[in-house]
């Protein structure tokens, strides 16, 4: 049996300047991993796929001013 390795991708919202960037690995069954691209050996956050989808949806709504807390 082969253990799957995370396939990391950089956020499409990350700039080319190396600033506030995150990487996401969503290829593993049952989990989504998130890490700081500037500290790849540092801590990794683990989310259930449904929780990650909810976070991304809420972040997108907030970015477009359509979230519940949008003023």
Protein backbone atom coordinates (compact mmCIF):
# COMPACT_ATOMS: atom_id res chain seq x y z
CA UNK A 1 0.00 0.00 0.00
CA UNK A 2 1.29 3.42 -0.96
CA UNK A 3 0.68 6.38 1.33
CA UNK A 4 -0.43 9.45 -0.61
CA UNK A 5 1.75 12.53 -0.31
CA UNK A 6 0.25 16.02 -0.22
CA UNK A 7 0.38 17.86 -3.53
CA UNK A 8 0.82 21.48 -2.49
CA UNK A 9 -0.41 24.38 -4.60
CA UNK A 10 -0.01 28.07 -3.91
CA UNK A 11 -3.11 30.17 -3.50
CA UNK A 12 -4.19 31.98 -6.64
CA UNK A 13 -4.53 35.09 -4.45
CA UNK A 14 -0.83 35.02 -3.55
CA UNK A 15 1.29 37.63 -5.22
CA UNK A 16 4.69 37.23 -6.85
CA UNK A 17 6.44 39.19 -4.09
CA UNK A 18 6.58 36.33 -1.56
CA UNK A 19 4.31 38.12 0.90
CA UNK A 20 1.31 36.60 2.67
CA UNK A 21 1.03 33.28 0.83
CA UNK A 22 -0.61 30.02 1.73
CA UNK A 23 -0.37 26.62 0.13
CA UNK A 24 -3.18 24.08 0.07
CA UNK A 25 -3.07 20.31 -0.41
CA UNK A 26 -6.53 18.95 -1.18
CA UNK A 27 -5.57 15.68 -2.85
CA UNK A 28 -5.68 13.52 0.28
CA UNK A 29 -8.82 11.59 1.21
CA UNK A 30 -10.81 13.19 4.03
CA UNK A 31 -8.51 16.14 4.78
CA UNK A 32 -7.38 19.48 3.39
CA UNK A 33 -3.98 20.74 4.55
CA UNK A 34 -2.94 24.40 4.68
CA UNK A 35 0.51 25.84 5.39
CA UNK A 36 2.49 29.07 5.15
CA UNK A 37 4.51 29.03 1.93
CA UNK A 38 7.30 30.98 3.65
CA UNK A 39 7.63 28.30 6.36
CA UNK A 40 7.05 24.99 4.60
CA UNK A 41 8.56 22.98 7.44
CA UNK A 42 6.40 24.81 9.99
CA UNK A 43 2.95 23.91 11.28
CA UNK A 44 0.20 22.64 9.00
CA UNK A 45 -3.50 23.23 9.59
CA UNK A 46 -5.84 20.31 8.91
CA UNK A 47 -9.46 20.78 7.87
CA UNK A 48 -12.30 18.45 7.02
CA UNK A 49 -13.19 19.02 3.34
CA UNK A 50 -16.65 20.41 4.18
CA UNK A 51 -15.17 22.86 6.69
CA UNK A 52 -12.58 24.01 4.12
CA UNK A 53 -15.27 24.53 1.46
CA UNK A 54 -17.29 26.57 3.97
CA UNK A 55 -14.27 28.69 4.84
CA UNK A 56 -13.45 29.36 1.19
CA UNK A 57 -17.08 30.23 0.42
CA UNK A 58 -17.28 32.64 3.37
CA UNK A 59 -13.95 34.24 2.45
CA UNK A 60 -15.16 34.75 -1.13
CA UNK A 61 -18.42 36.33 0.08
CA UNK A 62 -16.53 38.63 2.44
CA UNK A 63 -14.11 39.64 -0.31
CA UNK A 64 -17.04 40.64 -2.51
CA UNK A 65 -18.91 42.40 0.29
CA UNK A 66 -21.76 39.90 0.34
CA UNK A 67 -21.00 38.17 3.64
CA UNK A 68 -23.20 38.39 6.72
CA UNK A 69 -20.81 40.81 8.38
CA UNK A 70 -20.26 42.95 5.31
CA UNK A 71 -20.96 46.54 6.06
